[in-house]
Amino acid sequence: MTRPTFLESVPEVSAKLKEPETKERKFEDVGKSAGQAAVLVY
């Protein structure tokens, strides 16, 4: 018996996720996106 993954056990969280980014992007654009997505945790 396999256990469900976290996302399988919480479908309302899975439904809110964005679609993956699959197109080619410039390195600068990827860096900018990563910087915008970063969070500082104290």
PDB file of N, CA and C in Angstrom:
ATOM      1  N   MET A   1       0.842  -1.183   0.000  1.00  0.00           N
ATOM      2  CA  MET A   1       0.000   0.000   0.000  1.00  0.00           C
ATOM      3  C   MET A   1       0.886   1.245   0.000  1.00  0.00           C
ATOM      4  N   THR A   2       0.649   2.134  -0.939  1.00  0.00           N
ATOM      5  CA  THR A   2       1.424   3.370  -0.984  1.00  0.00           C
ATOM      6  C   THR A   2       0.662   4.479  -0.292  1.00  0.00           C
ATOM      7  N   ARG A   3       1.411   5.355   0.338  1.00  0.00           N
ATOM      8  CA  ARG A   3       0.804   6.498   1.008  1.00  0.00           C
ATOM      9  C   ARG A   3       0.590   7.624   0.009  1.00  0.00           C
ATOM     10  N   PRO A   4      -0.465   8.414   0.186  1.00  0.00           N
ATOM     11  CA  PRO A   4      -0.664   9.556  -0.719  1.00  0.00           C
ATOM     12  C   PRO A   4       0.391  10.637  -0.464  1.00  0.00           C
ATOM     13  N   THR A   5       0.726  11.358  -1.499  1.00  0.00           N
ATOM     14  CA  THR A   5       1.648  12.475  -1.338  1.00  0.00           C
ATOM     15  C   THR A   5       0.917  13.619  -0.657  1.00  0.00           C
ATOM     16  N   PHE A   6       1.672  14.618  -0.215  1.00  0.00           N
ATOM     17  CA  PHE A   6       1.061  15.765   0.447  1.00  0.00           C
ATOM     18  C   PHE A   6      -0.002  16.410  -0.439  1.00  0.00           C
ATOM     19  N   LEU A   7       0.334  16.661  -1.711  1.00  0.00           N
ATOM     20  CA  LEU A   7      -0.620  17.326  -2.593  1.00  0.00           C
ATOM     21  C   LEU A   7      -1.840  16.463  -2.876  1.00  0.00           C
ATOM     22  N   GLU A   8      -1.672  15.165  -2.891  1.00  0.00           N
ATOM     23  CA  GLU A   8      -2.826  14.281  -3.083  1.00  0.00           C
ATOM     24  C   GLU A   8      -3.729  14.296  -1.850  1.00  0.00           C
ATOM     25  N   SER A   9      -3.153  14.501  -0.680  1.00  0.00           N
ATOM     26  CA  SER A   9      -3.954  14.493   0.543  1.00  0.00           C
ATOM     27  C   SER A   9      -4.626  15.837   0.815  1.00  0.00           C
ATOM     28  N   VAL A  10      -4.186  16.904   0.116  1.00  0.00           N
ATOM     29  CA  VAL A  10      -4.775  18.233   0.310  1.00  0.00           C
ATOM     30  C   VAL A  10      -5.120  18.812  -1.064  1.00  0.00           C
ATOM     31  N   PRO A  11      -6.216  18.336  -1.673  1.00  0.00           N
ATOM     32  CA  PRO A  11      -6.535  18.755  -3.044  1.00  0.00           C
ATOM     33  C   PRO A  11      -6.818  20.247  -3.189  1.00  0.00           C
ATOM     34  N   GLU A  12      -7.297  20.922  -2.130  1.00  0.00           N
ATOM     35  CA  GLU A  12      -7.572  22.361  -2.252  1.00  0.00           C
ATOM     36  C   GLU A  12      -6.278  23.158  -2.423  1.00  0.00           C
ATOM     37  N   VAL A  13      -5.163  22.650  -1.902  1.00  0.00           N
ATOM     38  CA  VAL A  13      -3.869  23.311  -2.115  1.00  0.00           C
ATOM     39  C   VAL A  13      -3.401  23.067  -3.541  1.00  0.00           C
ATOM     40  N   SER A  14      -3.523  21.849  -3.997  1.00  0.00           N
ATOM     41  CA  SER A  14      -3.105  21.491  -5.350  1.00  0.00           C
ATOM     42  C   SER A  14      -3.863  22.297  -6.397  1.00  0.00           C
ATOM     43  N   ALA A  15      -5.130  22.570  -6.153  1.00  0.00           N
ATOM     44  CA  ALA A  15      -5.950  23.311  -7.111  1.00  0.00           C
ATOM     45  C   ALA A  15      -5.493  24.760  -7.263  1.00  0.00           C
ATOM     46  N   LYS A  16      -4.794  25.309  -6.265  1.00  0.00           N
ATOM     47  CA  LYS A  16      -4.360  26.708  -6.306  1.00  0.00           C
ATOM     48  C   LYS A  16      -2.985  26.905  -6.946  1.00  0.00           C
ATOM     49  N   LEU A  17      -2.283  25.824  -7.239  1.00  0.00           N
ATOM     50  CA  LEU A  17      -0.944  25.938  -7.823  1.00  0.00           C
ATOM     51  C   LEU A  17      -0.996  26.424  -9.262  1.00  0.00           C
ATOM     52  N   LYS A  18       0.008  27.201  -9.641  1.00  0.00           N
ATOM     53  CA  LYS A  18       0.116  27.661 -11.027  1.00  0.00           C
ATOM     54  C   LYS A  18       0.602  26.521 -11.910  1.00  0.00           C
ATOM     55  N   GLU A  19       0.349  26.653 -13.194  1.00  0.00           N
ATOM     56  CA  GLU A  19       0.882  25.693 -14.157  1.00  0.00           C
ATOM     57  C   GLU A  19       2.396  25.885 -14.251  1.00  0.00           C
ATOM     58  N   PRO A  20       3.151  24.815 -14.489  1.00  0.00           N
ATOM     59  CA  PRO A  20       4.604  24.958 -14.590  1.00  0.00           C
ATOM     60  C   PRO A  20       5.009  25.784 -15.803  1.00  0.00           C
ATOM     61  N   GLU A  21       6.098  26.515 -15.668  1.00  0.00           N
ATOM     62  CA  GLU A  21       6.651  27.336 -16.750  1.00  0.00           C
ATOM     63  C   GLU A  21       7.532  26.431 -17.608  1.00  0.00           C
ATOM     64  N   THR A  22       7.125  26.181 -18.844  1.00  0.00           N
ATOM     65  CA  THR A  22       7.858  25.231 -19.678  1.00  0.00           C
ATOM     66  C   THR A  22       8.550  25.866 -20.878  1.00  0.00           C
ATOM     67  N   LYS A  23       8.276  27.144 -21.142  1.00  0.00           N
ATOM     68  CA  LYS A  23       8.910  27.767 -22.313  1.00  0.00           C
ATOM     69  C   LYS A  23      10.328  28.236 -21.965  1.00  0.00           C
ATOM     70  N   GLU A  24      11.144  28.384 -22.979  1.00  0.00           N
ATOM     71  CA  GLU A  24      12.512  28.863 -22.799  1.00  0.00           C
ATOM     72  C   GLU A  24      12.500  30.323 -22.372  1.00  0.00           C
ATOM     73  N   ARG A  25      13.351  30.673 -21.393  1.00  0.00           N
ATOM     74  CA  ARG A  25      13.439  32.053 -20.924  1.00  0.00           C
ATOM     75  C   ARG A  25      14.899  32.457 -20.801  1.00  0.00           C
ATOM     76  N   LYS A  26      15.145  33.758 -20.902  1.00  0.00           N
ATOM     77  CA  LYS A  26      16.502  34.276 -20.744  1.00  0.00           C
ATOM     78  C   LYS A  26      16.924  34.139 -19.287  1.00  0.00           C
ATOM     79  N   PHE A  27      18.219  33.975 -19.075  1.00  0.00           N
ATOM     80  CA  PHE A  27      18.759  33.833 -17.721  1.00  0.00           C
ATOM     81  C   PHE A  27      18.364  35.016 -16.845  1.00  0.00           C
ATOM     82  N   GLU A  28      18.402  36.217 -17.392  1.00  0.00           N
ATOM     83  CA  GLU A  28      18.063  37.414 -16.621  1.00  0.00           C
ATOM     84  C   GLU A  28      16.617  37.366 -16.133  1.00  0.00           C
ATOM     85  N   ASP A  29      15.724  36.876 -16.998  1.00  0.00           N
ATOM     86  CA  ASP A  29      14.311  36.781 -16.624  1.00  0.00           C
ATOM     87  C   ASP A  29      14.098  35.742 -15.522  1.00  0.00           C
ATOM     88  N   VAL A  30      14.838  34.643 -15.602  1.00  0.00           N
ATOM     89  CA  VAL A  30      14.731  33.607 -14.567  1.00  0.00           C
ATOM     90  C   VAL A  30      15.222  34.147 -13.235  1.00  0.00           C
ATOM     91  N   GLY A  31      16.333  34.878 -13.256  1.00  0.00           N
ATOM     92  CA  GLY A  31      16.863  35.475 -12.033  1.00  0.00           C
ATOM     93  C   GLY A  31      15.896  36.472 -11.423  1.00  0.00           C
ATOM     94  N   LYS A  32      15.259  37.279 -12.263  1.00  0.00           N
ATOM     95  CA  LYS A  32      14.290  38.260 -11.777  1.00  0.00           C
ATOM     96  C   LYS A  32      13.088  37.550 -11.137  1.00  0.00           C
ATOM     97  N   SER A  33      12.598  36.496 -11.771  1.00  0.00           N
ATOM     98  CA  SER A  33      11.482  35.733 -11.217  1.00  0.00           C
ATOM     99  C   SER A  33      11.846  35.094  -9.885  1.00  0.00           C
ATOM    100  N   ALA A  34      13.042  34.558  -9.807  1.00  0.00           N
ATOM    101  CA  ALA A  34      13.480  33.938  -8.548  1.00  0.00           C
ATOM    102  C   ALA A  34      13.578  34.960  -7.443  1.00  0.00           C
ATOM    103  N   GLY A  35      14.067  36.146  -7.752  1.00  0.00           N
ATOM    104  CA  GLY A  35      14.165  37.204  -6.755  1.00  0.00           C
ATOM    105  C   GLY A  35      12.796  37.656  -6.263  1.00  0.00           C
ATOM    106  N   GLN A  36      11.835  37.714  -7.160  1.00  0.00           N
ATOM    107  CA  GLN A  36      10.481  38.117  -6.790  1.00  0.00           C
ATOM    108  C   GLN A  36       9.794  37.033  -5.963  1.00  0.00           C
ATOM    109  N   ALA A  37      10.160  35.784  -6.178  1.00  0.00           N
ATOM    110  CA  ALA A  37       9.529  34.682  -5.459  1.00  0.00           C
ATOM    111  C   ALA A  37      10.190  34.395  -4.113  1.00  0.00           C
ATOM    112  N   ALA A  38      11.390  34.920  -3.911  1.00  0.00           N
ATOM    113  CA  ALA A  38      12.116  34.640  -2.664  1.00  0.00           C
ATOM    114  C   ALA A  38      11.431  35.325  -1.475  1.00  0.00           C
ATOM    115  N   VAL A  39      11.494  34.639  -0.345  1.00  0.00           N
ATOM    116  CA  VAL A  39      10.899  35.156   0.885  1.00  0.00           C
ATOM    117  C   VAL A  39      11.948  35.104   1.980  1.00  0.00           C
ATOM    118  N   LEU A  40      12.053  36.174   2.742  1.00  0.00           N
ATOM    119  CA  LEU A  40      12.970  36.207   3.868  1.00  0.00           C
ATOM    120  C   LEU A  40      12.233  35.743   5.104  1.00  0.00           C
ATOM    121  N   VAL A  41      12.751  34.696   5.760  1.00  0.00           N
ATOM    122  CA  VAL A  41      12.115  34.138   6.953  1.00  0.00           C
ATOM    123  C   VAL A  41      13.029  34.394   8.137  1.00  0.00           C
ATOM    124  N   TYR A  42      12.480  34.977   9.170  1.00  0.00           N
ATOM    125  CA  TYR A  42      13.267  35.236  10.383  1.00  0.00           C
ATOM    126  C   TYR A  42      13.171  34.088  11.336  1.00  0.00           C
TER     127      TYR A  42
END
